[in-house]
Protein backbone atom coordinates (compact mmCIF):
# COMPACT_ATOMS: atom_id res chain seq x y z
CA MET A 1 -214.04 119.35 34.43
CA THR A 2 -211.47 120.46 37.02
CA LEU A 3 -212.40 119.86 40.64
CA PRO A 4 -211.17 122.21 43.37
CA HIS A 5 -208.29 121.02 45.55
CA SER A 6 -209.34 117.95 47.49
CA PHE A 7 -208.30 117.11 51.03
CA THR A 8 -205.69 114.36 51.38
CA PRO A 9 -206.86 111.14 53.13
CA LYS A 10 -204.95 112.10 56.29
CA GLU A 11 -206.55 115.55 56.34
CA ILE A 12 -210.02 113.99 55.92
CA VAL A 13 -209.42 111.55 58.80
CA THR A 14 -208.09 114.39 60.99
CA LYS A 15 -211.22 116.44 60.35
CA LEU A 16 -213.49 113.45 61.03
CA ASP A 17 -211.59 112.81 64.28
CA GLN A 18 -212.79 116.20 65.53
CA PHE A 19 -216.36 114.88 65.66
CA ILE A 20 -216.24 111.06 65.58
CA ILE A 21 -214.51 108.83 68.14
CA GLY A 22 -212.94 105.56 66.98
CA GLN A 23 -213.96 103.70 63.80
CA GLU A 24 -210.54 104.23 62.21
CA ASP A 25 -211.10 101.67 59.44
CA ALA A 26 -214.33 103.30 58.29
CA LYS A 27 -212.71 106.75 58.29
CA ARG A 28 -209.76 105.52 56.24
CA PHE A 29 -211.90 103.81 53.58
CA VAL A 30 -214.20 106.81 53.27
CA ALA A 31 -211.23 109.20 53.09
CA VAL A 32 -209.60 107.18 50.29
CA ALA A 33 -212.89 106.97 48.38
CA LEU A 34 -213.34 110.73 48.63
CA ARG A 35 -209.76 111.38 47.54
CA ASN A 36 -210.17 109.02 44.58
CA ARG A 37 -212.78 111.41 43.17
CA TRP A 38 -210.03 113.99 42.80
CA ARG A 39 -207.43 111.48 41.57
CA ARG A 40 -209.66 110.27 38.76
CA GLN A 41 -209.93 113.82 37.41
CA GLN A 42 -206.16 113.96 37.01
CA VAL A 43 -206.13 110.93 34.67
CA GLU A 44 -206.19 111.55 30.93
CA PRO A 45 -209.65 111.16 29.25
CA PRO A 46 -209.49 107.73 27.53
CA LEU A 47 -208.61 105.90 30.74
CA ARG A 48 -210.55 108.27 33.01
CA ASP A 49 -213.90 106.98 31.79
CA GLU A 50 -212.91 103.40 32.57
CA ILE A 51 -212.16 104.07 36.26
CA ALA A 52 -215.30 103.10 38.15
CA PRO A 53 -215.93 104.24 41.72
CA LYS A 54 -215.33 101.65 44.46
CA ASN A 55 -218.62 101.73 46.37
CA ILE A 56 -218.57 101.03 50.11
CA ILE A 57 -220.87 99.27 52.58
CA MET A 58 -220.41 100.22 56.26
CA ILE A 59 -221.71 97.53 58.61
CA GLY A 60 -222.24 98.12 62.31
CA PRO A 61 -224.81 98.37 65.10
CA THR A 62 -226.87 101.50 65.63
CA GLY A 63 -225.28 104.47 67.34
CA VAL A 64 -221.63 103.78 66.44
CA GLY A 65 -221.14 106.66 63.98
CA LYS A 66 -222.25 105.50 60.51
CA THR A 67 -224.69 108.35 59.95
CA GLU A 68 -222.40 110.85 61.68
CA ILE A 69 -219.61 109.98 59.25
CA ALA A 70 -222.02 110.79 56.40
CA ARG A 71 -223.04 114.11 57.96
CA ARG A 72 -219.44 115.23 58.43
CA LEU A 73 -218.46 113.94 55.01
CA ALA A 74 -221.11 116.20 53.49
CA HIS A 75 -219.23 119.23 54.86
CA LEU A 76 -215.87 117.99 53.56
CA ALA A 77 -216.98 116.85 50.11
CA GLN A 78 -216.39 119.64 47.61
CA SER A 79 -218.95 118.04 45.33
CA PRO A 80 -222.71 117.29 45.29
CA PHE A 81 -223.48 115.07 48.29
CA LEU A 82 -226.86 113.51 49.12
CA LYS A 83 -227.74 111.46 52.20
CA ILE A 84 -230.94 109.49 51.93
CA GLU A 85 -232.57 106.51 53.66
CA ALA A 86 -233.03 103.43 51.47
CA SER A 87 -236.20 102.58 53.43
CA LYS A 88 -237.95 105.55 51.75
CA PHE A 89 -237.93 103.82 48.39
CA THR A 90 -240.59 101.50 47.02
CA GLU A 91 -240.73 99.32 43.94
CA ILE A 92 -241.91 101.01 40.75
CA GLY A 93 -245.70 100.76 40.59
CA TYR A 94 -246.21 101.19 44.34
CA VAL A 95 -247.05 104.44 46.12
CA GLY A 96 -243.84 106.06 47.35
CA ARG A 97 -240.52 107.34 46.06
CA ASP A 98 -238.76 105.56 43.21
CA VAL A 99 -234.98 105.14 43.31
CA GLU A 100 -234.39 107.57 40.43
CA SER A 101 -235.61 110.41 42.65
CA MET A 102 -232.26 110.42 44.49
CA ILE A 103 -230.46 111.28 41.22
CA ARG A 104 -232.94 114.10 40.63
CA ASP A 105 -232.36 115.35 44.18
CA LEU A 106 -228.57 115.14 43.72
CA THR A 107 -228.79 117.11 40.47
CA GLN A 108 -230.91 119.77 42.17
CA LEU A 109 -228.28 120.06 44.92
CA ALA A 110 -225.57 120.44 42.25
CA VAL A 111 -227.55 123.21 40.50
CA ASN A 112 -227.96 125.04 43.81
CA MET A 113 -224.25 124.63 44.54
CA VAL A 114 -223.09 125.96 41.17
CA LYS A 115 -225.64 128.78 41.27
CA LYS A 116 -224.34 129.80 44.69
CA GLU A 117 -220.78 129.84 43.35
CA GLU A 118 -221.78 131.91 40.31
CA THR A 119 -223.73 134.29 42.55
CA ALA A 120 -220.61 134.84 44.66
CA LYS A 121 -218.66 135.73 41.49
CA VAL A 122 -221.12 138.46 40.45
CA LYS A 123 -221.90 139.63 43.98
CA GLU A 124 -219.93 142.89 43.78
CA LYS A 125 -221.30 143.84 40.37
CA ALA A 126 -224.85 143.00 41.48
CA ALA A 127 -224.39 145.14 44.60
CA VAL A 128 -223.33 148.15 42.49
CA MET A 129 -226.32 147.74 40.17
CA ALA A 130 -228.69 147.28 43.11
CA GLU A 131 -227.30 150.45 44.68
CA GLU A 132 -228.07 152.44 41.53
CA ARG A 133 -231.65 151.13 41.52
CA LEU A 134 -232.01 152.03 45.19
CA LEU A 135 -230.79 155.55 44.47
CA ASP A 136 -233.36 155.81 41.68
CA LEU A 137 -236.03 155.02 44.28
CA LEU A 138 -234.64 157.48 46.81
CA VAL A 139 -233.72 160.25 44.35
CA PRO A 140 -235.96 159.77 41.28
CA PRO A 141 -234.29 161.00 38.09
CA SER A 142 -235.69 164.16 36.51
CA PRO A 143 -238.42 163.49 33.92
CA PRO A 144 -237.47 164.31 30.33
CA PRO A 145 -238.70 167.71 29.07
CA VAL A 146 -242.08 167.56 27.34
CA SER A 147 -241.55 170.81 25.37
CA LYS A 148 -240.44 170.37 21.77
CA THR A 149 -238.45 173.60 21.99
CA VAL A 150 -234.74 172.98 21.87
CA SER A 151 -233.14 174.49 24.97
CA LEU A 152 -229.59 175.66 24.66
CA PRO A 153 -227.20 174.66 27.40
CA GLY A 154 -226.63 177.41 29.85
CA PRO A 155 -225.52 178.03 33.41
CA ALA A 156 -228.99 177.39 34.84
CA GLY A 157 -229.25 173.94 33.26
CA SER A 158 -225.78 172.89 34.34
CA GLU A 159 -226.38 174.12 37.90
CA ALA A 160 -229.61 172.10 38.09
CA GLY A 161 -227.82 169.01 36.78
CA SER A 162 -224.90 169.39 39.16
CA GLY A 163 -227.30 169.96 42.07
CA LYS A 164 -229.16 166.77 41.25
CA SER A 165 -225.87 164.90 40.96
CA SER A 166 -224.56 166.20 44.28
CA THR A 167 -227.82 165.22 46.00
CA ARG A 168 -227.53 161.73 44.54
CA GLU A 169 -223.94 161.42 45.75
CA LYS A 170 -224.95 162.55 49.25
CA PHE A 171 -227.65 159.87 49.32
CA ARG A 172 -225.14 157.33 48.01
CA GLN A 173 -222.79 158.09 50.89
CA MET A 174 -225.60 157.82 53.45
CA LEU A 175 -226.70 154.57 51.82
CA GLN A 176 -223.19 153.11 52.10
CA ASP A 177 -222.93 154.24 55.73
CA GLY A 178 -226.21 152.47 56.56
CA LYS A 179 -227.97 155.66 57.66
CA LEU A 180 -230.94 155.01 55.36
CA ASP A 181 -231.53 151.34 56.23
CA ASP A 182 -234.75 152.09 58.13
CA LYS A 183 -236.15 154.49 55.52
CA LEU A 184 -239.17 153.14 53.60
CA VAL A 185 -239.20 152.95 49.82
CA GLU A 186 -241.97 151.85 47.49
CA MET A 187 -241.07 149.29 44.83
CA VAL A 188 -242.58 146.57 42.65
CA VAL A 189 -241.75 143.01 43.73
CA ASP A 190 -242.63 139.58 42.40
CA GLN A 191 -245.59 137.92 44.08
CA PRO A 192 -245.11 134.22 44.90
CA GLN A 193 -247.37 131.95 42.89
CA ASN A 194 -249.31 129.56 45.10
CA MET A 195 -250.93 127.03 42.82
CA PRO A 196 -253.06 124.32 44.42
CA MET A 197 -251.85 120.87 43.40
CA VAL A 198 -254.00 117.74 43.66
CA GLU A 199 -252.11 114.46 43.93
CA ILE A 200 -253.73 112.10 41.46
CA PHE A 201 -250.66 110.26 40.21
CA SER A 202 -248.27 107.79 41.77
CA GLY A 203 -245.38 105.71 40.58
CA SER A 204 -242.18 106.37 38.71
CA GLY A 205 -241.11 109.97 38.40
CA MET A 206 -244.24 111.42 39.98
CA ASP A 207 -242.60 112.44 43.25
CA ASP A 208 -241.19 115.59 41.63
CA MET A 209 -244.17 116.28 39.36
CA GLY A 210 -245.21 119.15 41.63
CA SER A 211 -242.01 121.11 40.93
CA GLY A 212 -242.21 120.24 37.22
CA MET A 213 -245.79 121.44 36.93
CA LYS A 214 -244.91 124.59 38.82
CA ASP A 215 -242.07 125.32 36.40
CA MET A 216 -244.37 124.71 33.44
CA PHE A 217 -247.13 127.00 34.72
CA SER A 218 -244.62 129.71 35.62
CA LYS A 219 -243.63 129.82 31.93
CA ILE A 220 -247.24 129.86 30.69
CA PHE A 221 -248.62 132.44 33.12
CA PRO A 222 -246.80 135.72 33.72
CA GLN A 223 -245.34 136.36 37.15
CA LYS A 224 -247.63 138.55 39.24
CA ARG A 225 -246.06 141.69 40.62
CA GLU A 226 -247.26 143.97 43.39
CA ARG A 227 -246.22 147.35 44.75
CA ARG A 228 -245.02 147.21 48.36
CA LYS A 229 -243.36 149.48 50.89
CA LEU A 230 -240.10 148.05 52.21
CA SER A 231 -237.22 149.32 54.27
CA VAL A 232 -234.05 150.15 52.36
CA ALA A 233 -232.28 147.18 53.98
CA GLU A 234 -234.96 144.74 52.74
CA ALA A 235 -235.14 146.38 49.32
CA ARG A 236 -231.35 146.07 48.92
CA ILE A 237 -231.52 142.28 49.48
CA ILE A 238 -234.32 141.86 46.91
CA LEU A 239 -232.62 144.09 44.34
CA GLU A 240 -229.25 142.35 44.74
CA ARG A 241 -230.93 138.99 44.23
CA GLU A 242 -232.72 140.23 41.10
CA GLU A 243 -229.53 141.71 39.66
CA SER A 244 -227.58 138.52 40.42
CA GLU A 245 -230.16 136.43 38.59
CA LYS A 246 -229.86 138.73 35.57
CA LEU A 247 -226.08 138.33 35.51
CA ILE A 248 -226.05 134.54 35.92
CA GLU A 249 -226.33 132.37 32.82
CA MET A 250 -228.61 129.51 33.92
CA ASP A 251 -227.74 127.40 30.86
CA LYS A 252 -224.10 127.47 31.92
CA VAL A 253 -225.07 126.71 35.55
CA ILE A 254 -227.15 123.68 34.54
CA LYS A 255 -224.42 122.36 32.23
CA LEU A 256 -221.78 122.63 34.98
CA ALA A 257 -224.13 121.13 37.57
CA ILE A 258 -224.90 118.06 35.45
CA GLN A 259 -221.20 117.60 34.74
CA ARG A 260 -220.36 117.88 38.44
CA THR A 261 -223.12 115.43 39.38
CA GLU A 262 -221.90 112.85 36.87
CA GLN A 263 -218.18 113.18 37.63
CA SER A 264 -218.02 113.82 41.37
CA GLY A 265 -221.47 113.16 42.88
CA ILE A 266 -221.68 111.13 46.10
CA ILE A 267 -224.80 109.41 47.46
CA PHE A 268 -224.91 108.04 51.01
CA LEU A 269 -227.54 105.27 51.23
CA ASP A 270 -228.44 104.85 54.89
CA GLU A 271 -230.42 101.89 56.30
CA ILE A 272 -229.69 99.69 53.29
CA ASP A 273 -230.30 96.62 55.45
CA LYS A 274 -233.99 97.57 55.54
CA ILE A 275 -234.34 96.60 51.86
CA ALA A 276 -232.48 93.29 52.24
CA SER A 277 -234.63 90.13 52.14
CA ARG A 278 -234.63 88.13 55.37
CA GLN A 279 -233.78 84.46 55.07
CA GLY A 280 -236.84 82.24 55.23
CA ALA A 281 -239.26 85.17 55.26
CA VAL A 282 -242.09 85.33 52.74
CA GLY A 283 -244.76 87.90 51.98
CA SER A 284 -245.48 91.04 50.03
CA ALA A 285 -242.94 93.03 52.07
CA GLU A 286 -240.14 90.72 50.92
CA VAL A 287 -241.24 91.08 47.31
CA SER A 288 -241.19 94.87 47.65
CA ARG A 289 -237.69 94.81 49.19
CA GLU A 290 -236.34 92.73 46.33
CA GLY A 291 -238.09 95.05 43.88
CA VAL A 292 -236.30 98.07 45.38
CA GLN A 293 -232.98 96.25 45.05
CA ARG A 294 -233.70 95.44 41.40
CA ASP A 295 -234.59 99.09 40.75
CA LEU A 296 -231.47 100.25 42.62
CA LEU A 297 -229.11 97.94 40.70
CA PRO A 298 -229.09 99.78 37.32
CA ILE A 299 -228.62 103.12 39.08
CA VAL A 300 -225.53 101.82 40.92
CA GLU A 301 -224.25 99.98 37.83
CA GLY A 302 -224.66 103.02 35.62
CA ALA A 303 -227.78 104.33 33.93
CA THR A 304 -229.16 107.50 32.41
CA VAL A 305 -231.81 109.25 34.49
CA THR A 306 -234.14 111.94 33.17
CA THR A 307 -234.30 115.06 35.33
CA LYS A 308 -235.92 118.43 34.71
CA PHE A 309 -232.44 119.78 33.94
CA GLY A 310 -231.60 117.09 31.36
CA MET A 311 -230.19 113.57 31.18
CA VAL A 312 -227.79 112.53 33.95
CA LYS A 313 -225.48 109.50 33.76
CA THR A 314 -224.80 107.63 37.01
CA ASP A 315 -221.72 105.62 35.89
CA HIS A 316 -219.25 107.57 38.04
CA ILE A 317 -221.40 108.54 41.04
CA LEU A 318 -219.95 107.14 44.27
CA PHE A 319 -222.38 105.20 46.50
CA ILE A 320 -221.64 104.70 50.19
CA ALA A 321 -224.18 102.44 51.93
CA SER A 322 -224.59 101.67 55.61
CA GLY A 323 -226.74 99.41 57.73
CA ALA A 324 -226.91 97.66 61.09
CA PHE A 325 -227.77 94.24 59.54
CA HIS A 326 -229.29 92.95 62.80
CA LEU A 327 -231.91 90.70 61.18
CA CYS A 328 -230.06 89.99 57.95
CA LYS A 329 -226.58 89.91 56.42
CA PRO A 330 -225.02 91.72 53.48
CA SER A 331 -225.15 88.38 51.65
CA ASP A 332 -228.97 88.64 51.77
CA LEU A 333 -228.80 91.43 49.20
CA VAL A 334 -229.21 90.28 45.59
CA PRO A 335 -225.81 89.04 44.30
CA GLU A 336 -225.60 91.67 41.55
CA LEU A 337 -226.02 94.48 44.09
CA GLN A 338 -223.43 92.91 46.41
CA GLY A 339 -220.95 92.94 43.55
CA ARG A 340 -221.45 96.66 43.06
CA PHE A 341 -220.26 97.36 46.64
CA PRO A 342 -216.79 95.77 46.62
CA ILE A 343 -215.51 97.44 49.79
CA ARG A 344 -217.01 96.37 53.11
CA VAL A 345 -215.95 97.85 56.40
CA GLU A 346 -217.21 96.82 59.83
CA LEU A 347 -217.69 99.40 62.57
CA ASN A 348 -217.00 98.29 66.13
CA PRO A 349 -219.48 98.54 69.04
CA LEU A 350 -218.69 101.30 71.53
CA GLY A 351 -217.53 100.59 75.07
CA GLU A 352 -217.01 102.55 78.27
CA GLU A 353 -213.76 104.21 77.18
CA GLU A 354 -215.30 105.35 73.86
CA PHE A 355 -218.29 106.79 75.72
CA TYR A 356 -215.96 108.77 77.97
CA ARG A 357 -214.13 110.16 74.94
CA ILE A 358 -217.43 110.97 73.17
CA LEU A 359 -218.54 112.98 76.22
CA THR A 360 -215.33 115.01 76.39
CA GLU A 361 -213.22 115.11 73.20
CA PRO A 362 -215.27 116.11 70.09
CA GLN A 363 -215.89 119.76 69.21
CA ASN A 364 -219.60 119.13 69.68
CA ALA A 365 -219.25 116.95 72.81
CA LEU A 366 -222.48 116.53 74.79
CA ILE A 367 -220.96 118.00 77.94
CA LYS A 368 -219.87 121.14 76.05
CA GLN A 369 -223.39 121.46 74.64
CA TYR A 370 -225.09 121.28 78.05
CA ILE A 371 -222.57 123.68 79.61
CA ALA A 372 -223.40 126.18 76.86
CA LEU A 373 -227.17 125.62 77.29
CA MET A 374 -227.03 126.21 81.04
CA ALA A 375 -224.84 129.29 80.55
CA THR A 376 -227.82 130.94 78.82
CA GLU A 377 -229.63 130.65 82.18
CA ASP A 378 -226.60 132.18 84.00
CA ILE A 379 -225.68 128.78 85.51
CA GLU A 380 -222.03 127.78 85.58
CA LEU A 381 -222.23 124.05 85.03
CA SER A 382 -219.18 121.82 85.51
CA PHE A 383 -218.48 118.09 85.54
CA GLN A 384 -215.90 116.22 87.62
CA GLU A 385 -213.93 113.60 85.75
CA ASP A 386 -215.16 110.76 87.95
CA ALA A 387 -218.74 111.90 87.24
CA ILE A 388 -218.11 111.61 83.50
CA ARG A 389 -216.56 108.16 84.03
CA GLU A 390 -219.63 107.08 86.00
CA MET A 391 -221.95 108.27 83.22
CA ALA A 392 -219.94 106.30 80.66
CA ARG A 393 -220.06 103.20 82.88
CA ILE A 394 -223.83 103.43 83.38
CA ALA A 395 -224.39 103.92 79.63
CA THR A 396 -222.36 100.78 78.90
CA GLU A 397 -224.17 98.82 81.61
CA VAL A 398 -227.65 99.80 80.37
CA ASN A 399 -226.68 98.97 76.77
CA LEU A 400 -225.62 95.48 77.90
CA LYS A 401 -228.77 94.90 79.95
CA THR A 402 -231.24 96.19 77.37
CA GLU A 403 -230.97 97.04 73.68
CA ASN A 404 -227.56 98.30 72.57
CA ILE A 405 -228.24 101.68 70.94
CA GLY A 406 -224.63 102.85 71.12
CA ALA A 407 -223.81 106.50 71.78
CA ARG A 408 -227.47 107.51 71.54
CA ARG A 409 -227.79 106.18 75.11
CA LEU A 410 -225.72 109.15 76.29
CA HIS A 411 -228.44 111.59 75.20
CA THR A 412 -231.07 109.92 77.41
CA ILE A 413 -228.64 109.70 80.34
CA MET A 414 -227.70 113.39 80.09
CA GLU A 415 -231.34 114.45 79.94
CA ARG A 416 -232.24 112.32 82.97
CA LEU A 417 -229.17 113.52 84.87
CA LEU A 418 -229.82 117.24 84.32
CA GLU A 419 -233.61 117.10 84.53
CA GLU A 420 -233.79 118.83 87.93
CA VAL A 421 -231.33 121.59 86.98
CA SER A 422 -233.06 122.23 83.65
CA PHE A 423 -236.53 122.41 85.21
CA ASN A 424 -235.53 124.62 88.15
CA SER A 425 -233.01 126.72 86.22
CA PRO A 426 -234.32 130.13 87.46
CA GLU A 427 -233.57 129.05 91.07
CA PHE A 428 -229.96 128.21 90.19
CA ALA A 429 -229.32 131.43 88.22
CA GLY A 430 -226.03 133.10 89.10
CA GLN A 431 -224.73 129.96 90.84
CA LYS A 432 -222.14 127.30 90.12
CA PHE A 433 -223.46 123.76 89.80
CA GLU A 434 -220.93 120.93 89.86
CA ILE A 435 -221.86 117.41 88.78
CA THR A 436 -220.10 114.80 90.93
CA ALA A 437 -220.03 111.02 90.78
CA GLU A 438 -222.31 110.88 93.82
CA TYR A 439 -224.86 113.12 92.10
CA VAL A 440 -224.76 110.90 89.00
CA LYS A 441 -225.37 107.79 91.13
CA LYS A 442 -228.17 109.50 93.02
CA GLN A 443 -229.96 110.55 89.83
CA LEU A 444 -229.41 107.39 87.79
CA ARG A 445 -228.65 104.46 90.11
CA LYS A 446 -232.25 103.55 90.92
CA ILE A 447 -233.22 103.51 87.24
CA SER A 448 -230.07 101.76 85.97
CA ASP A 449 -230.29 99.01 88.63
CA SER A 450 -233.84 98.12 87.60
CA GLU A 451 -233.87 96.47 84.19
CA ASP A 452 -237.58 97.21 83.72
CA LEU A 453 -237.11 100.92 84.45
CA SER A 454 -234.03 101.06 82.20
CA ARG A 455 -236.03 99.69 79.29
CA TYR A 456 -238.64 102.45 79.55
CA ILE A 457 -236.66 105.44 80.86
CA LEU A 458 -233.01 105.07 79.78
């Protein structure tokens, strides 16, 4: 399988820098791991199968960018990418999701990805075929003659045929110009099948039984169709989708999707510390955590998982895990699982300078977001630099006094700071509103000075 061109590690870090402040080590390790997916594909087959992915554990307190790195990585990865919380899983035999479900989800994502690519390839051809079907609805073809008498071709017949053809071409031109988009046409469409499902099973593999049963019943019972009146614009979308599905070979899509999942799939396991056993702790919860780790181990090591699309091998899927590890350490994971995550990178807590940069530098900076939100109310919002510095200082101070939740503290501070403007926005319409350091102190000083208030409000 040939992967599309992959970003170089420097390009990946540069793109992550547009949204994430600091954490250079984590960015570098993730960038190299992502690039290695492409490098492995360039190696000749005998050795290629022996190159195992180097799984990563990112360790750091909450709110420092672990999950954000995963979110941005999902946009950069030109391969199936799944982000899932480890805390969702339960040991086989308990009610909940089993660890194999993440491979089934990843395979489903790969099928959707390949199907989207194949749809793009046949888009033009599907559009032409859909246009012909639309013209058949707008200008119905002449019914065949019922008389058994053979009619000789003559000027009358040819004139009728040419007239019909010219009318069709006129409608085609109007259709392409969008002049008929609001016109109603009557067509037969598929009716969605809503089958009631009763949950009577639990345990391994039952989390996706609903979709499996639905697929099975859809093959047994014919799809219901109904006649509806739709606008030409709506009918075009439905017809293009139907024609695309006819042109796409689903067997080929599934084969490519499974291959892509096995060779270049990436799974981001968030909150992995929540399944680590705490030292000295006993109880059923600890047993369940260890059970999840034991179930997770063969998936990370390499196993074959049954999905509705076929068997999927996990030997070369890259796993990136992250966790805060407040109440436990990575060494509290079972030794076999630790060995399957050879690369560990620690993310640093954020300070005042990082908060200032987070507020101003990224493409999706909080200040840019609130300026855009207030602009919808015709309010020209602006922030002085010393006001931004004061907000960063207060966020750092509150994090030190109470629980350190990292950059998430900035969201609560911004909401509290702009509460009056947001609530009374109609009164400020058409005006400029400048946030100064004095205004920040006035809005937040009383709350930030009181530790009790900070705990409940900020």
